[in-house]
ModelCIF file with pLDDT and N, C-alpha, C, O atoms, coordinates in Angstrom:
data_MODEL
#
_entry.id   MODEL 
#
_entity.id                         1 
_entity.type                       polymer 
_entity.pdbx_number_of_molecules   1 
#
_entity_poly.entity_id                      1 
_entity_poly.type                           'polypeptide(L)' 
_entity_poly.nstd_linkage                   no 
_entity_poly.nstd_monomer                   no 
_entity_poly.pdbx_seq_one_letter_code       SQILALKRVLRAPWQQPMASEQRELCKLKRR 
_entity_poly.pdbx_seq_one_letter_code_can   SQILALKRVLRAPWQQPMASEQRELCKLKRR 
_entity_poly.pdbx_strand_id                 A 
#
loop_
_entity_poly_seq.entity_id 
_entity_poly_seq.num 
_entity_poly_seq.mon_id 
_entity_poly_seq.hetero 
1 1  SER n 
1 2  GLN n 
1 3  ILE n 
1 4  LEU n 
1 5  ALA n 
1 6  LEU n 
1 7  LYS n 
1 8  ARG n 
1 9  VAL n 
1 10 LEU n 
1 11 ARG n 
1 12 ALA n 
1 13 PRO n 
1 14 TRP n 
1 15 GLN n 
1 16 GLN n 
1 17 PRO n 
1 18 MET n 
1 19 ALA n 
1 20 SER n 
1 21 GLU n 
1 22 GLN n 
1 23 ARG n 
1 24 GLU n 
1 25 LEU n 
1 26 CYS n 
1 27 LYS n 
1 28 LEU n 
1 29 LYS n 
1 30 ARG n 
1 31 ARG n 
#
_struct_asym.id          A 
_struct_asym.entity_id   1 
#
loop_
_ma_qa_metric.id 
_ma_qa_metric.mode 
_ma_qa_metric.name 
_ma_qa_metric.software_group_id 
_ma_qa_metric.type 
1 global pLDDT . pLDDT 
2 local  pLDDT . pLDDT 
#
_ma_qa_metric_global.metric_id      1 
_ma_qa_metric_global.metric_value   95.26 
_ma_qa_metric_global.model_id       1 
_ma_qa_metric_global.ordinal_id     1 
#
loop_
_ma_qa_metric_local.label_asym_id 
_ma_qa_metric_local.label_comp_id 
_ma_qa_metric_local.label_seq_id 
_ma_qa_metric_local.metric_id 
_ma_qa_metric_local.metric_value 
_ma_qa_metric_local.model_id 
_ma_qa_metric_local.ordinal_id 
A SER 1  2 98.00 1 1  
A GLN 2  2 98.00 1 2  
A ILE 3  2 98.00 1 3  
A LEU 4  2 98.00 1 4  
A ALA 5  2 97.00 1 5  
A LEU 6  2 96.00 1 6  
A LYS 7  2 96.00 1 7  
A ARG 8  2 96.00 1 8  
A VAL 9  2 94.00 1 9  
A LEU 10 2 94.00 1 10 
A ARG 11 2 95.00 1 11 
A ALA 12 2 93.00 1 12 
A PRO 13 2 93.00 1 13 
A TRP 14 2 89.00 1 14 
A GLN 15 2 91.00 1 15 
A GLN 16 2 91.00 1 16 
A PRO 17 2 92.00 1 17 
A MET 18 2 93.00 1 18 
A ALA 19 2 94.00 1 19 
A SER 20 2 95.00 1 20 
A GLU 21 2 95.00 1 21 
A GLN 22 2 96.00 1 22 
A ARG 23 2 97.00 1 23 
A GLU 24 2 97.00 1 24 
A LEU 25 2 97.00 1 25 
A CYS 26 2 96.00 1 26 
A LYS 27 2 97.00 1 27 
A LEU 28 2 98.00 1 28 
A LYS 29 2 97.00 1 29 
A ARG 30 2 95.00 1 30 
A ARG 31 2 97.00 1 31 
#
loop_
_atom_site.group_PDB 
_atom_site.id 
_atom_site.type_symbol 
_atom_site.label_atom_id 
_atom_site.label_alt_id 
_atom_site.label_comp_id 
_atom_site.label_asym_id 
_atom_site.label_entity_id 
_atom_site.label_seq_id 
_atom_site.pdbx_PDB_ins_code 
_atom_site.Cartn_x 
_atom_site.Cartn_y 
_atom_site.Cartn_z 
_atom_site.occupancy 
_atom_site.B_iso_or_equiv 
_atom_site.pdbx_formal_charge 
_atom_site.auth_seq_id 
_atom_site.auth_comp_id 
_atom_site.auth_asym_id 
_atom_site.auth_atom_id 
_atom_site.pdbx_PDB_model_num 
ATOM 1   N N  . SER A 1 1  ? 155.942 -106.064 -28.599 1.00 98.00 ? 1  SER A N  1 
ATOM 2   C CA . SER A 1 1  ? 157.037 -107.015 -28.829 1.00 98.00 ? 1  SER A CA 1 
ATOM 3   C C  . SER A 1 1  ? 157.183 -107.982 -27.656 1.00 98.00 ? 1  SER A C  1 
ATOM 4   O O  . SER A 1 1  ? 157.513 -109.150 -27.861 1.00 98.00 ? 1  SER A O  1 
ATOM 5   N N  . GLN A 1 2  ? 156.941 -107.511 -26.424 1.00 98.00 ? 2  GLN A N  1 
ATOM 6   C CA . GLN A 1 2  ? 156.974 -108.408 -25.265 1.00 98.00 ? 2  GLN A CA 1 
ATOM 7   C C  . GLN A 1 2  ? 155.852 -109.440 -25.358 1.00 98.00 ? 2  GLN A C  1 
ATOM 8   O O  . GLN A 1 2  ? 156.057 -110.613 -25.044 1.00 98.00 ? 2  GLN A O  1 
ATOM 9   N N  . ILE A 1 3  ? 154.668 -109.005 -25.790 1.00 98.00 ? 3  ILE A N  1 
ATOM 10  C CA . ILE A 1 3  ? 153.543 -109.920 -25.948 1.00 98.00 ? 3  ILE A CA 1 
ATOM 11  C C  . ILE A 1 3  ? 153.860 -110.981 -26.986 1.00 98.00 ? 3  ILE A C  1 
ATOM 12  O O  . ILE A 1 3  ? 153.602 -112.165 -26.767 1.00 98.00 ? 3  ILE A O  1 
ATOM 13  N N  . LEU A 1 4  ? 154.418 -110.566 -28.116 1.00 98.00 ? 4  LEU A N  1 
ATOM 14  C CA . LEU A 1 4  ? 154.767 -111.527 -29.164 1.00 98.00 ? 4  LEU A CA 1 
ATOM 15  C C  . LEU A 1 4  ? 155.798 -112.544 -28.679 1.00 98.00 ? 4  LEU A C  1 
ATOM 16  O O  . LEU A 1 4  ? 155.693 -113.733 -28.978 1.00 98.00 ? 4  LEU A O  1 
ATOM 17  N N  . ALA A 1 5  ? 156.795 -112.069 -27.930 1.00 97.00 ? 5  ALA A N  1 
ATOM 18  C CA . ALA A 1 5  ? 157.820 -112.983 -27.414 1.00 97.00 ? 5  ALA A CA 1 
ATOM 19  C C  . ALA A 1 5  ? 157.205 -113.992 -26.442 1.00 97.00 ? 5  ALA A C  1 
ATOM 20  O O  . ALA A 1 5  ? 157.536 -115.176 -26.494 1.00 97.00 ? 5  ALA A O  1 
ATOM 21  N N  . LEU A 1 6  ? 156.328 -113.543 -25.570 1.00 96.00 ? 6  LEU A N  1 
ATOM 22  C CA . LEU A 1 6  ? 155.685 -114.464 -24.623 1.00 96.00 ? 6  LEU A CA 1 
ATOM 23  C C  . LEU A 1 6  ? 154.781 -115.455 -25.347 1.00 96.00 ? 6  LEU A C  1 
ATOM 24  O O  . LEU A 1 6  ? 154.742 -116.632 -24.986 1.00 96.00 ? 6  LEU A O  1 
ATOM 25  N N  . LYS A 1 7  ? 154.065 -115.000 -26.349 1.00 96.00 ? 7  LYS A N  1 
ATOM 26  C CA . LYS A 1 7  ? 153.202 -115.907 -27.110 1.00 96.00 ? 7  LYS A CA 1 
ATOM 27  C C  . LYS A 1 7  ? 154.024 -116.980 -27.813 1.00 96.00 ? 7  LYS A C  1 
ATOM 28  O O  . LYS A 1 7  ? 153.600 -118.132 -27.907 1.00 96.00 ? 7  LYS A O  1 
ATOM 29  N N  . ARG A 1 8  ? 155.192 -116.601 -28.302 1.00 96.00 ? 8  ARG A N  1 
ATOM 30  C CA . ARG A 1 8  ? 156.080 -117.582 -28.939 1.00 96.00 ? 8  ARG A CA 1 
ATOM 31  C C  . ARG A 1 8  ? 156.464 -118.680 -27.955 1.00 96.00 ? 8  ARG A C  1 
ATOM 32  O O  . ARG A 1 8  ? 156.465 -119.862 -28.296 1.00 96.00 ? 8  ARG A O  1 
ATOM 33  N N  . VAL A 1 9  ? 156.785 -118.278 -26.742 1.00 94.00 ? 9  VAL A N  1 
ATOM 34  C CA . VAL A 1 9  ? 157.154 -119.235 -25.697 1.00 94.00 ? 9  VAL A CA 1 
ATOM 35  C C  . VAL A 1 9  ? 155.969 -120.126 -25.339 1.00 94.00 ? 9  VAL A C  1 
ATOM 36  O O  . VAL A 1 9  ? 156.121 -121.337 -25.178 1.00 94.00 ? 9  VAL A O  1 
ATOM 37  N N  . LEU A 1 10 ? 154.792 -119.524 -25.215 1.00 94.00 ? 10 LEU A N  1 
ATOM 38  C CA . LEU A 1 10 ? 153.617 -120.289 -24.795 1.00 94.00 ? 10 LEU A CA 1 
ATOM 39  C C  . LEU A 1 10 ? 153.079 -121.212 -25.895 1.00 94.00 ? 10 LEU A C  1 
ATOM 40  O O  . LEU A 1 10 ? 152.394 -122.191 -25.599 1.00 94.00 ? 10 LEU A O  1 
ATOM 41  N N  . ARG A 1 11 ? 153.383 -120.908 -27.150 1.00 95.00 ? 11 ARG A N  1 
ATOM 42  C CA . ARG A 1 11 ? 152.930 -121.771 -28.246 1.00 95.00 ? 11 ARG A CA 1 
ATOM 43  C C  . ARG A 1 11 ? 153.802 -123.016 -28.418 1.00 95.00 ? 11 ARG A C  1 
ATOM 44  O O  . ARG A 1 11 ? 153.363 -124.016 -28.986 1.00 95.00 ? 11 ARG A O  1 
ATOM 45  N N  . ALA A 1 12 ? 155.012 -122.949 -27.934 1.00 93.00 ? 12 ALA A N  1 
ATOM 46  C CA . ALA A 1 12 ? 155.924 -124.091 -28.036 1.00 93.00 ? 12 ALA A CA 1 
ATOM 47  C C  . ALA A 1 12 ? 155.502 -125.162 -27.027 1.00 93.00 ? 12 ALA A C  1 
ATOM 48  O O  . ALA A 1 12 ? 154.816 -124.850 -26.052 1.00 93.00 ? 12 ALA A O  1 
ATOM 49  N N  . PRO A 1 13 ? 155.897 -126.404 -27.245 1.00 93.00 ? 13 PRO A N  1 
ATOM 50  C CA . PRO A 1 13 ? 155.584 -127.452 -26.257 1.00 93.00 ? 13 PRO A CA 1 
ATOM 51  C C  . PRO A 1 13 ? 156.156 -127.078 -24.881 1.00 93.00 ? 13 PRO A C  1 
ATOM 52  O O  . PRO A 1 13 ? 157.314 -126.682 -24.754 1.00 93.00 ? 13 PRO A O  1 
ATOM 53  N N  . TRP A 1 14 ? 155.335 -127.214 -23.894 1.00 89.00 ? 14 TRP A N  1 
ATOM 54  C CA . TRP A 1 14 ? 155.737 -126.837 -22.545 1.00 89.00 ? 14 TRP A CA 1 
ATOM 55  C C  . TRP A 1 14 ? 156.609 -127.927 -21.928 1.00 89.00 ? 14 TRP A C  1 
ATOM 56  O O  . TRP A 1 14 ? 156.270 -129.110 -21.966 1.00 89.00 ? 14 TRP A O  1 
ATOM 57  N N  . GLN A 1 15 ? 157.721 -127.510 -21.368 1.00 91.00 ? 15 GLN A N  1 
ATOM 58  C CA . GLN A 1 15 ? 158.627 -128.412 -20.669 1.00 91.00 ? 15 GLN A CA 1 
ATOM 59  C C  . GLN A 1 15 ? 158.568 -128.206 -19.157 1.00 91.00 ? 15 GLN A C  1 
ATOM 60  O O  . GLN A 1 15 ? 159.187 -128.948 -18.393 1.00 91.00 ? 15 GLN A O  1 
ATOM 61  N N  . GLN A 1 16 ? 157.818 -127.195 -18.739 1.00 91.00 ? 16 GLN A N  1 
ATOM 62  C CA . GLN A 1 16 ? 157.712 -126.833 -17.325 1.00 91.00 ? 16 GLN A CA 1 
ATOM 63  C C  . GLN A 1 16 ? 156.378 -126.122 -17.113 1.00 91.00 ? 16 GLN A C  1 
ATOM 64  O O  . GLN A 1 16 ? 155.715 -125.773 -18.090 1.00 91.00 ? 16 GLN A O  1 
ATOM 65  N N  . PRO A 1 17 ? 155.973 -125.902 -15.890 1.00 92.00 ? 17 PRO A N  1 
ATOM 66  C CA . PRO A 1 17 ? 154.749 -125.128 -15.644 1.00 92.00 ? 17 PRO A CA 1 
ATOM 67  C C  . PRO A 1 17 ? 154.908 -123.703 -16.196 1.00 92.00 ? 17 PRO A C  1 
ATOM 68  O O  . PRO A 1 17 ? 155.967 -123.093 -16.049 1.00 92.00 ? 17 PRO A O  1 
ATOM 69  N N  . MET A 1 18 ? 153.864 -123.184 -16.823 1.00 93.00 ? 18 MET A N  1 
ATOM 70  C CA . MET A 1 18 ? 153.945 -121.877 -17.485 1.00 93.00 ? 18 MET A CA 1 
ATOM 71  C C  . MET A 1 18 ? 152.960 -120.857 -16.885 1.00 93.00 ? 18 MET A C  1 
ATOM 72  O O  . MET A 1 18 ? 152.605 -119.876 -17.538 1.00 93.00 ? 18 MET A O  1 
ATOM 73  N N  . ALA A 1 19 ? 152.534 -121.093 -15.667 1.00 94.00 ? 19 ALA A N  1 
ATOM 74  C CA . ALA A 1 19 ? 151.550 -120.196 -15.052 1.00 94.00 ? 19 ALA A CA 1 
ATOM 75  C C  . ALA A 1 19 ? 152.072 -118.765 -14.949 1.00 94.00 ? 19 ALA A C  1 
ATOM 76  O O  . ALA A 1 19 ? 151.322 -117.822 -15.200 1.00 94.00 ? 19 ALA A O  1 
ATOM 77  N N  . SER A 1 20 ? 153.321 -118.587 -14.591 1.00 95.00 ? 20 SER A N  1 
ATOM 78  C CA . SER A 1 20 ? 153.849 -117.222 -14.448 1.00 95.00 ? 20 SER A CA 1 
ATOM 79  C C  . SER A 1 20 ? 153.892 -116.508 -15.794 1.00 95.00 ? 20 SER A C  1 
ATOM 80  O O  . SER A 1 20 ? 153.639 -115.305 -15.867 1.00 95.00 ? 20 SER A O  1 
ATOM 81  N N  . GLU A 1 21 ? 154.211 -117.242 -16.860 1.00 95.00 ? 21 GLU A N  1 
ATOM 82  C CA . GLU A 1 21 ? 154.230 -116.652 -18.194 1.00 95.00 ? 21 GLU A CA 1 
ATOM 83  C C  . GLU A 1 21 ? 152.819 -116.267 -18.642 1.00 95.00 ? 21 GLU A C  1 
ATOM 84  O O  . GLU A 1 21 ? 152.623 -115.235 -19.284 1.00 95.00 ? 21 GLU A O  1 
ATOM 85  N N  . GLN A 1 22 ? 151.842 -117.107 -18.297 1.00 96.00 ? 22 GLN A N  1 
ATOM 86  C CA . GLN A 1 22 ? 150.459 -116.797 -18.646 1.00 96.00 ? 22 GLN A CA 1 
ATOM 87  C C  . GLN A 1 22 ? 149.961 -115.562 -17.893 1.00 96.00 ? 22 GLN A C  1 
ATOM 88  O O  . GLN A 1 22 ? 149.269 -114.719 -18.466 1.00 96.00 ? 22 GLN A O  1 
ATOM 89  N N  . ARG A 1 23 ? 150.310 -115.457 -16.622 1.00 97.00 ? 23 ARG A N  1 
ATOM 90  C CA . ARG A 1 23 ? 149.928 -114.269 -15.844 1.00 97.00 ? 23 ARG A CA 1 
ATOM 91  C C  . ARG A 1 23 ? 150.590 -113.018 -16.413 1.00 97.00 ? 23 ARG A C  1 
ATOM 92  O O  . ARG A 1 23 ? 149.957 -111.968 -16.515 1.00 97.00 ? 23 ARG A O  1 
ATOM 93  N N  . GLU A 1 24 ? 151.863 -113.132 -16.781 1.00 97.00 ? 24 GLU A N  1 
ATOM 94  C CA . GLU A 1 24 ? 152.583 -111.997 -17.366 1.00 97.00 ? 24 GLU A CA 1 
ATOM 95  C C  . GLU A 1 24 ? 151.944 -111.572 -18.684 1.00 97.00 ? 24 GLU A C  1 
ATOM 96  O O  . GLU A 1 24 ? 151.829 -110.376 -18.952 1.00 97.00 ? 24 GLU A O  1 
ATOM 97  N N  . LEU A 1 25 ? 151.529 -112.525 -19.504 1.00 97.00 ? 25 LEU A N  1 
ATOM 98  C CA . LEU A 1 25 ? 150.871 -112.208 -20.774 1.00 97.00 ? 25 LEU A CA 1 
ATOM 99  C C  . LEU A 1 25 ? 149.567 -111.454 -20.514 1.00 97.00 ? 25 LEU A C  1 
ATOM 100 O O  . LEU A 1 25 ? 149.289 -110.468 -21.197 1.00 97.00 ? 25 LEU A O  1 
ATOM 101 N N  . CYS A 1 26 ? 148.778 -111.884 -19.566 1.00 96.00 ? 26 CYS A N  1 
ATOM 102 C CA . CYS A 1 26 ? 147.521 -111.196 -19.234 1.00 96.00 ? 26 CYS A CA 1 
ATOM 103 C C  . CYS A 1 26 ? 147.792 -109.772 -18.764 1.00 96.00 ? 26 CYS A C  1 
ATOM 104 O O  . CYS A 1 26 ? 147.084 -108.838 -19.139 1.00 96.00 ? 26 CYS A O  1 
ATOM 105 N N  . LYS A 1 27 ? 148.829 -109.616 -17.936 1.00 97.00 ? 27 LYS A N  1 
ATOM 106 C CA . LYS A 1 27 ? 149.185 -108.288 -17.434 1.00 97.00 ? 27 LYS A CA 1 
ATOM 107 C C  . LYS A 1 27 ? 149.605 -107.366 -18.575 1.00 97.00 ? 27 LYS A C  1 
ATOM 108 O O  . LYS A 1 27 ? 149.196 -106.205 -18.616 1.00 97.00 ? 27 LYS A O  1 
ATOM 109 N N  . LEU A 1 28 ? 150.419 -107.874 -19.499 1.00 98.00 ? 28 LEU A N  1 
ATOM 110 C CA . LEU A 1 28 ? 150.870 -107.069 -20.634 1.00 98.00 ? 28 LEU A CA 1 
ATOM 111 C C  . LEU A 1 28 ? 149.710 -106.704 -21.563 1.00 98.00 ? 28 LEU A C  1 
ATOM 112 O O  . LEU A 1 28 ? 149.640 -105.584 -22.069 1.00 98.00 ? 28 LEU A O  1 
ATOM 113 N N  . LYS A 1 29 ? 148.812 -107.650 -21.780 1.00 97.00 ? 29 LYS A N  1 
ATOM 114 C CA . LYS A 1 29 ? 147.655 -107.372 -22.641 1.00 97.00 ? 29 LYS A CA 1 
ATOM 115 C C  . LYS A 1 29 ? 146.746 -106.312 -22.013 1.00 97.00 ? 29 LYS A C  1 
ATOM 116 O O  . LYS A 1 29 ? 146.210 -105.453 -22.713 1.00 97.00 ? 29 LYS A O  1 
ATOM 117 N N  . ARG A 1 30 ? 146.580 -106.378 -20.714 1.00 95.00 ? 30 ARG A N  1 
ATOM 118 C CA . ARG A 1 30 ? 145.771 -105.378 -20.016 1.00 95.00 ? 30 ARG A CA 1 
ATOM 119 C C  . ARG A 1 30 ? 146.423 -103.999 -20.131 1.00 95.00 ? 30 ARG A C  1 
ATOM 120 O O  . ARG A 1 30 ? 145.743 -103.000 -20.366 1.00 95.00 ? 30 ARG A O  1 
ATOM 121 N N  . ARG A 1 31 ? 147.742 -103.956 -19.965 1.00 97.00 ? 31 ARG A N  1 
ATOM 122 C CA . ARG A 1 31 ? 148.464 -102.676 -20.085 1.00 97.00 ? 31 ARG A CA 1 
ATOM 123 C C  . ARG A 1 31 ? 148.369 -102.130 -21.507 1.00 97.00 ? 31 ARG A C  1 
ATOM 124 O O  . ARG A 1 31 ? 148.914 -101.065 -21.798 1.00 97.00 ? 31 ARG A O  1 
#
């Protein structure tokens, strides 16, 4: 569910840098 929520955020038009969200997604996927 955390992965799905982050993907929803990352699929929307970016209004700010999203590097931390991308790193968090990679960490969650690895876990």
